[in-house]
Protein backbone atom coordinates (compact mmCIF):
# COMPACT_ATOMS: atom_id res chain seq x y z
CA UNK A 1 102.19 -93.18 -58.52
CA UNK A 2 103.53 -91.33 -55.46
CA UNK A 3 106.77 -93.33 -55.61
CA UNK A 4 107.16 -92.67 -59.33
CA UNK A 5 106.49 -88.95 -58.93
CA UNK A 6 109.04 -88.76 -56.13
CA UNK A 7 111.74 -90.39 -58.26
CA UNK A 8 110.93 -88.15 -61.22
CA UNK A 9 111.45 -85.14 -58.94
CA UNK A 10 114.78 -86.30 -57.55
CA UNK A 11 113.55 -87.85 -54.27
CA UNK A 12 115.36 -91.18 -54.32
CA UNK A 13 115.24 -92.27 -50.69
CA UNK A 14 111.57 -93.34 -50.44
CA UNK A 15 111.07 -96.90 -49.27
CA UNK A 16 107.98 -98.96 -50.06
CA UNK A 17 107.06 -100.99 -46.98
CA UNK A 18 104.58 -103.69 -46.10
CA UNK A 19 102.01 -102.73 -43.49
CA UNK A 20 103.60 -105.06 -40.96
CA UNK A 21 106.94 -103.25 -41.29
CA UNK A 22 105.31 -99.84 -40.89
CA UNK A 23 103.28 -100.96 -37.87
CA UNK A 24 106.41 -102.34 -36.27
CA UNK A 25 107.89 -98.84 -36.47
CA UNK A 26 104.60 -97.20 -35.43
CA UNK A 27 102.53 -99.63 -33.27
CA UNK A 28 99.47 -97.30 -33.22
CA UNK A 29 99.34 -97.16 -37.02
CA UNK A 30 97.05 -99.36 -39.12
CA UNK A 31 97.83 -99.71 -42.84
CA UNK A 32 98.32 -102.25 -45.63
CA UNK A 33 101.37 -100.61 -47.18
CA UNK A 34 103.36 -97.44 -46.57
CA UNK A 35 106.02 -95.20 -48.07
CA UNK A 36 108.81 -94.24 -45.67
CA UNK A 37 110.51 -90.90 -46.39
CA UNK A 38 113.70 -90.66 -44.28
CA UNK A 39 114.41 -87.09 -45.43
CA UNK A 40 110.99 -85.64 -44.54
CA UNK A 41 110.78 -83.37 -41.50
CA UNK A 42 109.40 -80.13 -40.13
CA UNK A 43 110.83 -76.61 -40.02
CA UNK A 44 110.19 -73.48 -37.98
CA UNK A 45 108.29 -71.64 -40.70
CA UNK A 46 108.40 -68.24 -39.00
CA UNK A 47 112.15 -68.42 -38.43
CA UNK A 48 112.55 -69.52 -42.03
CA UNK A 49 110.54 -66.50 -43.25
CA UNK A 50 112.68 -64.17 -41.11
CA UNK A 51 115.78 -65.75 -42.65
CA UNK A 52 114.43 -65.16 -46.14
CA UNK A 53 113.61 -61.57 -45.18
CA UNK A 54 117.16 -61.00 -43.97
CA UNK A 55 118.59 -62.48 -47.17
CA UNK A 56 116.34 -60.29 -49.30
CA UNK A 57 117.19 -57.10 -47.42
CA UNK A 58 120.91 -57.92 -47.56
CA UNK A 59 120.54 -58.07 -51.35
CA UNK A 60 118.96 -54.61 -51.44
CA UNK A 61 115.27 -55.49 -51.41
CA UNK A 62 112.89 -52.88 -49.97
CA UNK A 63 109.89 -54.17 -48.04
CA UNK A 64 106.79 -51.99 -47.83
CA UNK A 65 104.53 -53.18 -45.03
CA UNK A 66 100.82 -52.36 -44.62
CA UNK A 67 100.74 -51.39 -48.27
CA UNK A 68 98.30 -52.89 -50.75
CA UNK A 69 98.48 -53.16 -54.52
CA UNK A 70 94.83 -52.57 -55.42
CA UNK A 71 95.05 -52.85 -59.20
CA UNK A 72 96.81 -51.41 -62.17
CA UNK A 73 96.90 -50.86 -65.89
CA UNK A 74 98.52 -52.85 -68.68
CA UNK A 75 99.21 -51.05 -71.95
CA UNK A 76 101.73 -50.43 -74.71
CA UNK A 77 103.34 -47.62 -72.72
CA UNK A 78 104.13 -49.90 -69.82
CA UNK A 79 102.72 -51.28 -66.64
CA UNK A 80 101.16 -49.28 -63.80
CA UNK A 81 100.71 -50.45 -60.23
CA UNK A 82 98.07 -48.71 -58.13
CA UNK A 83 99.09 -48.55 -54.45
CA UNK A 84 97.15 -47.72 -51.31
CA UNK A 85 97.89 -47.91 -47.59
CA UNK A 86 96.06 -50.85 -46.05
CA UNK A 87 94.47 -48.67 -43.37
CA UNK A 88 92.79 -46.59 -46.10
CA UNK A 89 90.95 -49.70 -47.25
CA UNK A 90 89.47 -50.53 -43.85
CA UNK A 91 86.43 -48.24 -44.13
CA UNK A 92 85.69 -48.72 -47.82
CA UNK A 93 82.30 -50.33 -48.46
CA UNK A 94 82.33 -53.64 -50.28
CA UNK A 95 82.45 -53.08 -54.04
CA UNK A 96 83.26 -49.37 -53.82
CA UNK A 97 85.93 -47.67 -55.92
CA UNK A 98 89.30 -47.21 -54.25
CA UNK A 99 91.46 -44.29 -55.37
CA UNK A 100 95.18 -45.12 -55.44
CA UNK A 101 97.50 -42.99 -53.33
CA UNK A 102 100.57 -43.90 -55.37
CA UNK A 103 101.27 -45.16 -58.88
CA UNK A 104 104.42 -47.16 -59.61
CA UNK A 105 105.84 -48.05 -63.03
CA UNK A 106 107.71 -51.34 -62.61
CA UNK A 107 109.74 -53.07 -65.29
CA UNK A 108 108.79 -56.51 -64.01
CA UNK A 109 105.87 -57.75 -61.94
CA UNK A 110 105.40 -61.09 -60.17
CA UNK A 111 101.91 -61.62 -58.84
CA UNK A 112 102.53 -63.55 -55.62
CA UNK A 113 99.59 -62.08 -53.71
CA UNK A 114 98.46 -65.42 -52.33
CA UNK A 115 94.77 -65.28 -51.48
CA UNK A 116 94.49 -62.03 -53.45
CA UNK A 117 96.38 -63.17 -56.56
CA UNK A 118 93.39 -63.77 -58.83
CA UNK A 119 91.22 -60.85 -57.56
CA UNK A 120 94.23 -58.57 -58.06
CA UNK A 121 94.72 -59.78 -61.63
CA UNK A 122 91.05 -59.05 -62.31
CA UNK A 123 91.64 -55.40 -61.32
CA UNK A 124 94.29 -54.79 -63.99
CA UNK A 125 92.73 -52.73 -66.78
CA UNK A 126 93.95 -53.72 -70.21
CA UNK A 127 94.55 -57.31 -69.15
CA UNK A 128 92.46 -59.77 -71.14
CA UNK A 129 90.30 -61.33 -68.45
CA UNK A 130 89.86 -64.43 -70.58
CA UNK A 131 93.33 -65.44 -69.38
CA UNK A 132 92.58 -64.89 -65.68
CA UNK A 133 91.36 -68.09 -63.97
CA UNK A 134 88.42 -68.21 -61.60
CA UNK A 135 89.40 -68.32 -57.92
CA UNK A 136 88.28 -71.01 -55.49
CA UNK A 137 88.92 -71.07 -51.76
CA UNK A 138 88.99 -73.94 -49.28
CA UNK A 139 89.30 -73.71 -45.52
CA UNK A 140 91.37 -76.42 -43.87
CA UNK A 141 90.88 -76.98 -40.14
CA UNK A 142 93.24 -78.64 -37.69
CA UNK A 143 92.38 -80.36 -34.42
CA UNK A 144 94.95 -81.05 -31.70
CA UNK A 145 95.34 -84.19 -29.62
CA UNK A 146 94.77 -83.21 -25.99
CA UNK A 147 96.22 -84.42 -22.71
CA UNK A 148 98.33 -87.26 -24.05
CA UNK A 149 101.79 -87.82 -25.44
CA UNK A 150 102.22 -88.34 -29.15
CA UNK A 151 101.22 -91.82 -30.31
CA UNK A 152 103.53 -91.44 -33.29
CA UNK A 153 107.20 -90.65 -33.83
CA UNK A 154 106.79 -89.98 -37.56
CA UNK A 155 104.56 -87.72 -39.64
CA UNK A 156 101.70 -89.86 -40.96
CA UNK A 157 100.06 -89.02 -44.29
CA UNK A 158 97.10 -90.96 -45.69
CA UNK A 159 96.35 -90.96 -49.41
CA UNK A 160 95.35 -87.48 -50.74
CA UNK A 161 91.70 -86.49 -51.04
CA UNK A 162 89.80 -84.25 -53.45
CA UNK A 163 90.99 -80.67 -52.93
CA UNK A 164 93.58 -81.48 -50.27
CA UNK A 165 96.39 -83.71 -49.07
CA UNK A 166 94.29 -85.65 -46.56
CA UNK A 167 93.85 -85.38 -42.79
CA UNK A 168 97.36 -86.26 -41.69
CA UNK A 169 99.40 -86.29 -38.48
CA UNK A 170 101.77 -83.41 -37.81
CA UNK A 171 104.04 -83.14 -34.78
CA UNK A 172 105.14 -79.54 -34.24
CA UNK A 173 108.38 -78.26 -32.72
CA UNK A 174 106.82 -78.40 -29.24
CA UNK A 175 105.74 -82.02 -29.63
CA UNK A 176 102.04 -81.13 -30.04
CA UNK A 177 100.13 -83.57 -32.26
CA UNK A 178 97.77 -82.08 -34.84
CA UNK A 179 95.38 -83.71 -37.28
CA UNK A 180 94.39 -81.91 -40.47
CA UNK A 181 93.59 -80.27 -42.69
CA UNK A 182 90.16 -81.19 -43.91
CA UNK A 183 88.63 -79.50 -46.96
CA UNK A 184 85.71 -77.08 -46.59
CA UNK A 185 84.93 -75.23 -49.80
CA UNK A 186 83.98 -71.59 -49.26
CA UNK A 187 81.58 -69.39 -51.18
CA UNK A 188 82.67 -65.96 -52.35
CA UNK A 189 86.15 -64.59 -51.79
CA UNK A 190 86.26 -62.71 -55.07
CA UNK A 191 85.54 -59.25 -53.62
CA UNK A 192 88.98 -57.62 -54.03
CA UNK A 193 89.15 -55.31 -51.00
CA UNK A 194 88.05 -58.10 -48.66
CA UNK A 195 90.79 -60.30 -50.11
CA UNK A 196 93.39 -57.54 -49.82
CA UNK A 197 92.51 -57.15 -46.13
CA UNK A 198 92.32 -60.92 -45.56
CA UNK A 199 88.74 -60.79 -44.30
CA UNK A 200 88.29 -64.54 -44.39
CA UNK A 201 86.70 -66.50 -41.58
CA UNK A 202 89.40 -68.54 -39.85
CA UNK A 203 87.23 -69.84 -37.03
CA UNK A 204 87.23 -73.59 -36.34
CA UNK A 205 83.78 -74.98 -35.66
CA UNK A 206 84.17 -77.50 -32.79
CA UNK A 207 81.46 -79.70 -34.33
CA UNK A 208 83.75 -80.46 -37.29
CA UNK A 209 85.55 -82.92 -35.03
CA UNK A 210 82.70 -85.34 -35.85
CA UNK A 211 84.19 -85.50 -39.36
CA UNK A 212 87.74 -85.97 -38.05
CA UNK A 213 87.18 -88.96 -35.77
CA UNK A 214 86.12 -91.51 -38.45
CA UNK A 215 88.76 -90.23 -40.90
CA UNK A 216 91.63 -90.41 -38.42
CA UNK A 217 90.51 -93.79 -37.07
CA UNK A 218 91.08 -95.32 -40.49
CA UNK A 219 94.80 -95.29 -39.67
CA UNK A 220 94.72 -94.57 -35.90
CA UNK A 221 91.89 -96.77 -34.56
CA UNK A 222 92.76 -96.17 -30.90
CA UNK A 223 91.83 -92.48 -31.08
CA UNK A 224 89.61 -91.90 -28.04
CA UNK A 225 86.34 -89.97 -28.04
CA UNK A 226 86.74 -86.45 -26.69
CA UNK A 227 90.48 -86.30 -27.30
CA UNK A 228 90.38 -83.78 -30.16
CA UNK A 229 90.28 -80.02 -29.53
CA UNK A 230 89.89 -77.21 -32.10
CA UNK A 231 93.27 -75.93 -33.24
CA UNK A 232 93.51 -73.46 -36.10
CA UNK A 233 92.61 -73.13 -39.76
CA UNK A 234 94.12 -71.95 -43.00
CA UNK A 235 92.55 -70.67 -46.21
CA UNK A 236 93.94 -72.20 -49.37
CA UNK A 237 93.47 -70.47 -52.74
CA UNK A 238 92.71 -72.95 -55.50
CA UNK A 239 92.60 -72.74 -59.27
CA UNK A 240 90.21 -75.69 -59.43
CA UNK A 241 87.01 -76.26 -57.52
CA UNK A 242 85.15 -79.24 -56.04
CA UNK A 243 85.20 -82.28 -58.29
CA UNK A 244 87.51 -80.62 -60.84
CA UNK A 245 90.93 -81.85 -61.88
CA UNK A 246 93.36 -80.29 -59.36
CA UNK A 247 96.00 -77.93 -60.68
CA UNK A 248 98.17 -75.39 -58.87
CA UNK A 249 99.69 -73.23 -61.60
CA UNK A 250 98.63 -71.41 -64.75
CA UNK A 251 101.50 -71.07 -67.21
CA UNK A 252 100.52 -68.94 -70.20
CA UNK A 253 102.69 -67.94 -73.12
CA UNK A 254 100.26 -65.64 -74.93
CA UNK A 255 98.98 -63.38 -72.17
CA UNK A 256 101.40 -60.54 -72.90
CA UNK A 257 102.61 -61.36 -76.39
CA UNK A 258 101.04 -58.21 -77.85
CA UNK A 259 102.34 -55.89 -75.15
CA UNK A 260 105.70 -54.36 -75.98
CA UNK A 261 106.56 -57.48 -78.03
CA UNK A 262 106.48 -59.57 -74.86
CA UNK A 263 109.16 -57.52 -73.10
CA UNK A 264 106.86 -55.94 -70.51
CA UNK A 265 106.70 -59.06 -68.39
CA UNK A 266 108.17 -62.51 -68.53
CA UNK A 267 106.95 -64.52 -71.51
CA UNK A 268 105.25 -66.81 -69.02
CA UNK A 269 102.70 -65.46 -66.58
CA UNK A 270 102.50 -67.39 -63.31
CA UNK A 271 99.69 -66.91 -60.83
CA UNK A 272 101.63 -67.75 -57.69
CA UNK A 273 99.32 -68.75 -54.90
CA UNK A 274 99.86 -69.11 -51.19
CA UNK A 275 98.10 -70.10 -48.02
CA UNK A 276 97.25 -67.93 -45.02
CA UNK A 277 97.16 -69.63 -41.63
CA UNK A 278 95.55 -68.30 -38.45
């Protein structure tokens, strides 16, 4: 299935290998079969984001930092965005009303608010909430391999698990080996202001390593006790919860069909989600 999906998406250099071939390339690996992806690698994500920022600004984009869109209004007369400085939200009690400091009237809106995408959509008056999906959040923790050189020269990915891509091996730009992420479903996360301020718990519980050891040893049996140290975590917004069929996008054609004959926004409404890493 993975090989077929890759070919259907234009990735034509994957190679199906027997376990013996893979273990010859990676002696510490244990597997029955493997897919080799010669074109897979890592990038400096922060440098990449700065490059995108420079490209956007060179094309005339204005960035407004420490500014939160806290809601809005959808109606026949157009679209309103309610804006507030992030610092004004800091002292607001959970669930309290937030008065916007600025109202903008955009011609086009793309909701790419990441962890806040669904809570933000729920704060748009006039938007049929039947079309807004329920949010789900999963924390993914990473543990680092301490005091040893990397046992692998390739990124190693096991088969995906429910809610995630599996606890895999990542080698960063400094040569540090990391295992993760796992999947820890979180309660709550729907309170809008908390989402806008990213008040999620990113702590990594050291005891979660007890889950990592048996999982990692399925493909790296020589992992020694005590060699994993807490690294970092990320919060992933999901449109499906535990045990549900995974899906990443909601594409709806009818959400705005009665608003300005569909000309207010794109005919398709995409809830674009992202991941925040700490």
